[in-house]
Each structure stands twice: as structure tokens, then as C-alpha cells.
N, C-alpha and C. Protein backbone atom coordinates (compact mmCIF):
# COMPACT_ATOMS: atom_id res chain seq x y z
N MET A 1 0.85 -1.18 0.00
CA MET A 1 0.00 0.00 0.00
C MET A 1 0.89 1.23 0.00
N SER A 2 0.63 2.16 -0.88
CA SER A 2 1.44 3.38 -0.98
C SER A 2 0.98 4.40 0.05
N VAL A 3 1.76 5.45 0.17
CA VAL A 3 1.40 6.54 1.08
C VAL A 3 0.07 7.13 0.65
N GLU A 4 -0.11 7.30 -0.66
CA GLU A 4 -1.34 7.88 -1.17
C GLU A 4 -2.55 7.04 -0.76
N HIS A 5 -2.42 5.70 -0.88
CA HIS A 5 -3.52 4.83 -0.48
C HIS A 5 -3.77 4.89 1.02
N ALA A 6 -2.71 5.01 1.80
CA ALA A 6 -2.88 5.13 3.25
C ALA A 6 -3.63 6.40 3.59
N GLN A 7 -3.31 7.50 2.89
CA GLN A 7 -3.99 8.76 3.15
C GLN A 7 -5.45 8.66 2.74
N GLU A 8 -5.74 7.97 1.63
CA GLU A 8 -7.12 7.78 1.21
C GLU A 8 -7.89 6.96 2.25
N ALA A 9 -7.25 5.90 2.75
CA ALA A 9 -7.90 5.06 3.75
C ALA A 9 -8.18 5.86 5.01
N GLU A 10 -7.21 6.69 5.40
CA GLU A 10 -7.38 7.49 6.60
C GLU A 10 -8.54 8.47 6.44
N SER A 11 -8.60 9.13 5.28
CA SER A 11 -9.65 10.12 5.08
C SER A 11 -11.03 9.48 4.91
N SER A 12 -11.08 8.20 4.57
CA SER A 12 -12.37 7.54 4.41
C SER A 12 -12.81 6.85 5.69
N GLY A 13 -12.02 7.02 6.77
CA GLY A 13 -12.42 6.46 8.05
C GLY A 13 -11.95 5.05 8.29
N GLU A 14 -11.08 4.53 7.47
CA GLU A 14 -10.59 3.17 7.64
C GLU A 14 -9.36 3.18 8.53
N ASP A 15 -9.54 3.56 9.79
CA ASP A 15 -8.43 3.70 10.72
C ASP A 15 -7.68 2.38 10.93
N GLU A 16 -8.39 1.28 10.93
CA GLU A 16 -7.76 -0.02 11.15
C GLU A 16 -6.75 -0.32 10.04
N ALA A 17 -7.09 -0.03 8.79
CA ALA A 17 -6.19 -0.27 7.67
C ALA A 17 -4.94 0.59 7.80
N VAL A 18 -5.10 1.83 8.22
CA VAL A 18 -3.96 2.73 8.38
C VAL A 18 -3.07 2.23 9.50
N THR A 19 -3.64 1.80 10.61
CA THR A 19 -2.87 1.29 11.72
C THR A 19 -2.08 0.06 11.29
N THR A 20 -2.70 -0.83 10.55
CA THR A 20 -2.03 -2.03 10.06
C THR A 20 -0.87 -1.64 9.15
N LEU A 21 -1.08 -0.68 8.26
CA LEU A 21 -0.02 -0.23 7.36
C LEU A 21 1.13 0.33 8.16
N ALA A 22 0.86 1.18 9.12
CA ALA A 22 1.91 1.81 9.91
C ALA A 22 2.72 0.75 10.66
N ALA A 23 2.07 -0.28 11.14
CA ALA A 23 2.76 -1.33 11.88
C ALA A 23 3.63 -2.19 10.96
N SER A 24 3.30 -2.27 9.66
CA SER A 24 4.02 -3.15 8.76
C SER A 24 5.13 -2.45 7.98
N VAL A 25 5.22 -1.14 8.04
CA VAL A 25 6.24 -0.40 7.31
C VAL A 25 7.51 -0.35 8.13
N LYS A 26 8.60 -0.85 7.55
CA LYS A 26 9.89 -0.84 8.22
C LYS A 26 10.57 0.50 7.94
N THR A 27 11.28 1.01 8.93
CA THR A 27 12.04 2.24 8.71
C THR A 27 13.53 1.91 8.73
N TYR A 28 14.29 2.76 8.06
CA TYR A 28 15.74 2.57 7.92
C TYR A 28 16.46 3.84 8.37
N ALA A 29 17.63 3.66 8.97
CA ALA A 29 18.41 4.79 9.46
C ALA A 29 19.14 5.49 8.32
N VAL A 30 19.12 6.81 8.38
CA VAL A 30 19.93 7.63 7.48
C VAL A 30 21.36 7.59 8.03
N ALA A 31 22.34 7.68 7.15
CA ALA A 31 23.75 7.60 7.54
C ALA A 31 24.05 8.55 8.71
N PRO A 32 24.89 8.10 9.65
CA PRO A 32 25.19 8.93 10.81
C PRO A 32 25.88 10.25 10.43
N GLY A 33 25.46 11.32 11.09
CA GLY A 33 26.05 12.62 10.87
C GLY A 33 25.65 13.29 9.57
N VAL A 34 24.64 12.74 8.88
CA VAL A 34 24.23 13.26 7.58
C VAL A 34 22.89 13.96 7.67
N SER A 35 22.82 15.18 7.14
CA SER A 35 21.54 15.87 6.92
C SER A 35 21.21 15.60 5.46
N LEU A 36 20.19 14.79 5.21
CA LEU A 36 19.93 14.26 3.87
C LEU A 36 18.87 15.07 3.13
N ASN A 37 19.20 15.48 1.91
CA ASN A 37 18.24 16.19 1.07
C ASN A 37 17.17 15.24 0.56
N VAL A 38 15.93 15.64 0.67
CA VAL A 38 14.80 14.91 0.12
C VAL A 38 14.42 15.63 -1.17
N ARG A 39 14.26 14.87 -2.24
CA ARG A 39 14.00 15.48 -3.55
C ARG A 39 12.64 15.07 -4.09
N SER A 40 12.15 15.86 -5.03
CA SER A 40 10.81 15.62 -5.59
C SER A 40 10.79 14.50 -6.63
N GLY A 41 11.94 13.95 -6.96
CA GLY A 41 12.04 12.83 -7.89
C GLY A 41 13.33 12.09 -7.66
N PRO A 42 13.54 10.99 -8.40
CA PRO A 42 14.69 10.12 -8.18
C PRO A 42 15.97 10.59 -8.85
N GLY A 43 16.45 11.74 -8.45
CA GLY A 43 17.69 12.22 -9.04
C GLY A 43 18.10 13.57 -8.48
N THR A 44 19.38 13.88 -8.66
CA THR A 44 19.91 15.14 -8.16
C THR A 44 19.43 16.34 -8.97
N ASN A 45 18.84 16.09 -10.13
CA ASN A 45 18.30 17.18 -10.95
C ASN A 45 16.91 17.61 -10.48
N TYR A 46 16.32 16.89 -9.55
CA TYR A 46 15.01 17.26 -8.99
C TYR A 46 15.21 18.23 -7.83
N GLY A 47 14.22 19.06 -7.59
CA GLY A 47 14.29 20.04 -6.51
C GLY A 47 14.29 19.41 -5.13
N ILE A 48 14.91 20.11 -4.20
CA ILE A 48 14.93 19.68 -2.80
C ILE A 48 13.63 20.14 -2.15
N THR A 49 12.89 19.19 -1.55
CA THR A 49 11.62 19.52 -0.90
C THR A 49 11.80 19.80 0.59
N ARG A 50 12.80 19.15 1.18
CA ARG A 50 13.13 19.35 2.60
C ARG A 50 14.44 18.65 2.88
N THR A 51 14.95 18.82 4.09
CA THR A 51 16.18 18.16 4.50
C THR A 51 15.91 17.40 5.79
N LEU A 52 16.32 16.13 5.83
CA LEU A 52 16.17 15.32 7.03
C LEU A 52 17.31 15.62 7.99
N THR A 53 17.01 15.71 9.26
CA THR A 53 18.03 15.99 10.26
C THR A 53 18.85 14.73 10.55
N THR A 54 20.01 14.92 11.14
CA THR A 54 20.84 13.77 11.49
C THR A 54 20.08 12.88 12.46
N GLY A 55 20.28 11.59 12.31
CA GLY A 55 19.60 10.62 13.15
C GLY A 55 18.21 10.23 12.67
N ALA A 56 17.81 10.74 11.51
CA ALA A 56 16.46 10.43 10.99
C ALA A 56 16.35 8.98 10.56
N ARG A 57 15.12 8.49 10.58
CA ARG A 57 14.78 7.17 10.04
C ARG A 57 13.71 7.41 8.98
N VAL A 58 13.75 6.59 7.92
CA VAL A 58 12.81 6.77 6.83
C VAL A 58 12.14 5.44 6.47
N PRO A 59 10.86 5.50 6.10
CA PRO A 59 10.21 4.32 5.53
C PRO A 59 10.60 4.25 4.05
N ILE A 60 10.58 3.06 3.48
CA ILE A 60 10.79 2.93 2.04
C ILE A 60 9.55 2.25 1.48
N PHE A 61 8.73 3.03 0.75
CA PHE A 61 7.49 2.50 0.18
C PHE A 61 7.74 1.80 -1.14
N CYS A 62 8.72 2.29 -1.91
CA CYS A 62 9.13 1.64 -3.14
C CYS A 62 10.47 2.24 -3.53
N GLN A 63 11.13 1.63 -4.51
CA GLN A 63 12.43 2.11 -4.97
C GLN A 63 12.45 2.16 -6.49
N THR A 64 13.29 3.06 -7.02
CA THR A 64 13.35 3.24 -8.47
C THR A 64 14.77 3.67 -8.86
N PRO A 65 15.19 3.35 -10.08
CA PRO A 65 16.50 3.82 -10.51
C PRO A 65 16.48 5.31 -10.84
N GLY A 66 17.62 5.95 -10.67
CA GLY A 66 17.74 7.37 -10.98
C GLY A 66 19.20 7.75 -11.08
N THR A 67 19.51 8.98 -10.74
CA THR A 67 20.88 9.48 -10.79
C THR A 67 21.79 8.63 -9.90
N THR A 68 22.96 8.28 -10.39
CA THR A 68 23.94 7.56 -9.58
C THR A 68 24.60 8.53 -8.61
N VAL A 69 24.64 8.13 -7.33
CA VAL A 69 25.17 8.97 -6.27
C VAL A 69 26.19 8.17 -5.47
N SER A 70 27.31 8.79 -5.13
CA SER A 70 28.28 8.19 -4.22
C SER A 70 28.03 8.79 -2.84
N GLY A 71 27.78 7.92 -1.86
CA GLY A 71 27.45 8.40 -0.53
C GLY A 71 28.08 7.56 0.55
N TYR A 72 27.57 7.68 1.74
CA TYR A 72 28.11 7.02 2.93
C TYR A 72 28.15 5.50 2.78
N TYR A 73 27.13 4.93 2.12
CA TYR A 73 27.04 3.47 1.98
C TYR A 73 27.42 2.99 0.58
N GLY A 74 28.26 3.75 -0.11
CA GLY A 74 28.74 3.32 -1.42
C GLY A 74 28.12 4.14 -2.54
N THR A 75 28.16 3.58 -3.74
CA THR A 75 27.63 4.24 -4.93
C THR A 75 26.41 3.47 -5.41
N SER A 76 25.33 4.20 -5.68
CA SER A 76 24.08 3.56 -6.06
C SER A 76 23.25 4.46 -6.96
N ASN A 77 22.49 3.83 -7.85
CA ASN A 77 21.51 4.57 -8.64
C ASN A 77 20.09 4.31 -8.13
N ILE A 78 19.98 3.67 -6.97
CA ILE A 78 18.67 3.38 -6.38
C ILE A 78 18.20 4.57 -5.56
N TRP A 79 16.95 4.96 -5.77
CA TRP A 79 16.33 6.04 -5.00
C TRP A 79 15.14 5.48 -4.24
N ASP A 80 15.03 5.87 -2.98
CA ASP A 80 13.98 5.38 -2.08
C ASP A 80 12.83 6.38 -2.00
N ASN A 81 11.63 5.91 -2.27
CA ASN A 81 10.43 6.73 -2.12
C ASN A 81 10.04 6.68 -0.65
N ILE A 82 10.15 7.83 0.04
CA ILE A 82 9.89 7.86 1.48
C ILE A 82 8.57 8.51 1.83
N ASP A 83 7.92 9.10 0.86
CA ASP A 83 6.62 9.72 1.04
C ASP A 83 6.10 10.08 -0.35
N ASN A 84 4.87 10.52 -0.43
CA ASN A 84 4.27 10.84 -1.71
C ASN A 84 5.08 11.93 -2.41
N GLY A 85 5.76 11.59 -3.51
CA GLY A 85 6.56 12.56 -4.25
C GLY A 85 7.86 12.95 -3.59
N GLU A 86 8.39 12.13 -2.68
CA GLU A 86 9.64 12.43 -1.99
C GLU A 86 10.60 11.25 -2.07
N TYR A 87 11.84 11.56 -2.49
CA TYR A 87 12.85 10.53 -2.71
C TYR A 87 14.17 10.91 -2.06
N VAL A 88 14.91 9.89 -1.60
CA VAL A 88 16.27 10.08 -1.11
C VAL A 88 17.16 9.04 -1.77
N SER A 89 18.43 9.37 -1.92
CA SER A 89 19.38 8.43 -2.49
C SER A 89 19.62 7.28 -1.52
N ASP A 90 19.55 6.06 -2.03
CA ASP A 90 19.78 4.87 -1.21
C ASP A 90 21.23 4.79 -0.72
N ALA A 91 22.13 5.55 -1.34
CA ALA A 91 23.54 5.56 -0.92
C ALA A 91 23.71 6.16 0.47
N TYR A 92 22.66 6.78 1.00
CA TYR A 92 22.71 7.38 2.34
C TYR A 92 21.74 6.72 3.32
N VAL A 93 21.15 5.60 2.93
CA VAL A 93 20.18 4.92 3.79
C VAL A 93 20.71 3.51 4.10
N ASN A 94 20.74 3.16 5.37
CA ASN A 94 21.27 1.87 5.81
C ASN A 94 20.21 0.78 5.66
N THR A 95 20.12 0.21 4.45
CA THR A 95 19.17 -0.87 4.20
C THR A 95 19.79 -2.24 4.44
N GLY A 96 21.12 -2.29 4.57
CA GLY A 96 21.81 -3.56 4.75
C GLY A 96 22.03 -4.30 3.44
N SER A 97 21.76 -3.63 2.32
CA SER A 97 21.89 -4.27 1.01
C SER A 97 22.28 -3.24 -0.05
N ASP A 98 22.99 -3.70 -1.07
CA ASP A 98 23.30 -2.87 -2.23
C ASP A 98 22.25 -3.03 -3.31
N ARG A 99 21.24 -3.83 -3.03
CA ARG A 99 20.19 -4.13 -4.00
C ARG A 99 18.87 -3.56 -3.53
N TYR A 100 17.84 -3.78 -4.33
CA TYR A 100 16.51 -3.32 -3.95
C TYR A 100 16.00 -4.09 -2.75
N VAL A 101 15.42 -3.38 -1.78
CA VAL A 101 14.85 -4.00 -0.59
C VAL A 101 13.33 -3.80 -0.53
N ALA A 102 12.80 -3.11 -1.54
CA ALA A 102 11.35 -2.86 -1.64
C ALA A 102 10.94 -3.01 -3.10
N ASP A 103 9.65 -3.05 -3.33
CA ASP A 103 9.14 -3.14 -4.69
C ASP A 103 9.58 -1.93 -5.51
N ARG A 104 9.66 -2.11 -6.82
CA ARG A 104 9.93 -0.98 -7.71
C ARG A 104 8.71 -0.07 -7.74
N CYS A 105 8.95 1.23 -7.80
CA CYS A 105 7.85 2.19 -7.91
C CYS A 105 7.18 2.05 -9.27
N ALA A 106 5.88 2.23 -9.28
CA ALA A 106 5.13 2.10 -10.54
C ALA A 106 5.26 3.34 -11.39
């Protein structure tokens, strides 16, 4: 279930579905000491929508290829969708893998 679907469920009064979704979404730590830029798309050419503070954790709803970035956890072209229209480079997220850990974004 995407963030958009969770918001639809919440607004339609399906609180139980939202609670279940929240309980099943795993979060991942952002690299230590890093303030991570959140972008409007999967690449450095997209605008910055906000910046995550050090010590942040992020959910990964889906992943998609984009700009290759060298970061704290190596070099990757994988971008993590952390909210509706918000992406961070997987090179700064501790997923424990160099591969996809979530479904590809549609």
C-alpha cells in the first residue's frame, strides 16, 4: 500500500487499515552525521523539498533507478520513495543491502 492509499484510507475512516499499514512499514536509518536532502524525484536534478536531520529514520514505500550517487554506503543509482513525491538516495540509507529492498515504484 502506498502513502497515497494510506492517506485515502485514513480520510475515508478506515483507521484499522492505516494502523495495520503503519505497523508493517519498516524504517531505515539515514547515515550517521548526515543531513539528507529529500528530492521531488529520483535524481539530483530534482528540486529539494526538505532536509532530514541527522539521526532520521525513513520508511521505504518503493524504490526506483535514478541518478547515480556516491554516498556514505557506497555508490548507487537506487532512489527510495519515502513519502508521496519524496525521494532520497539509497547511498545514504542503511538498508543492509546494495540491491533493492522494496518493490519498484510504478
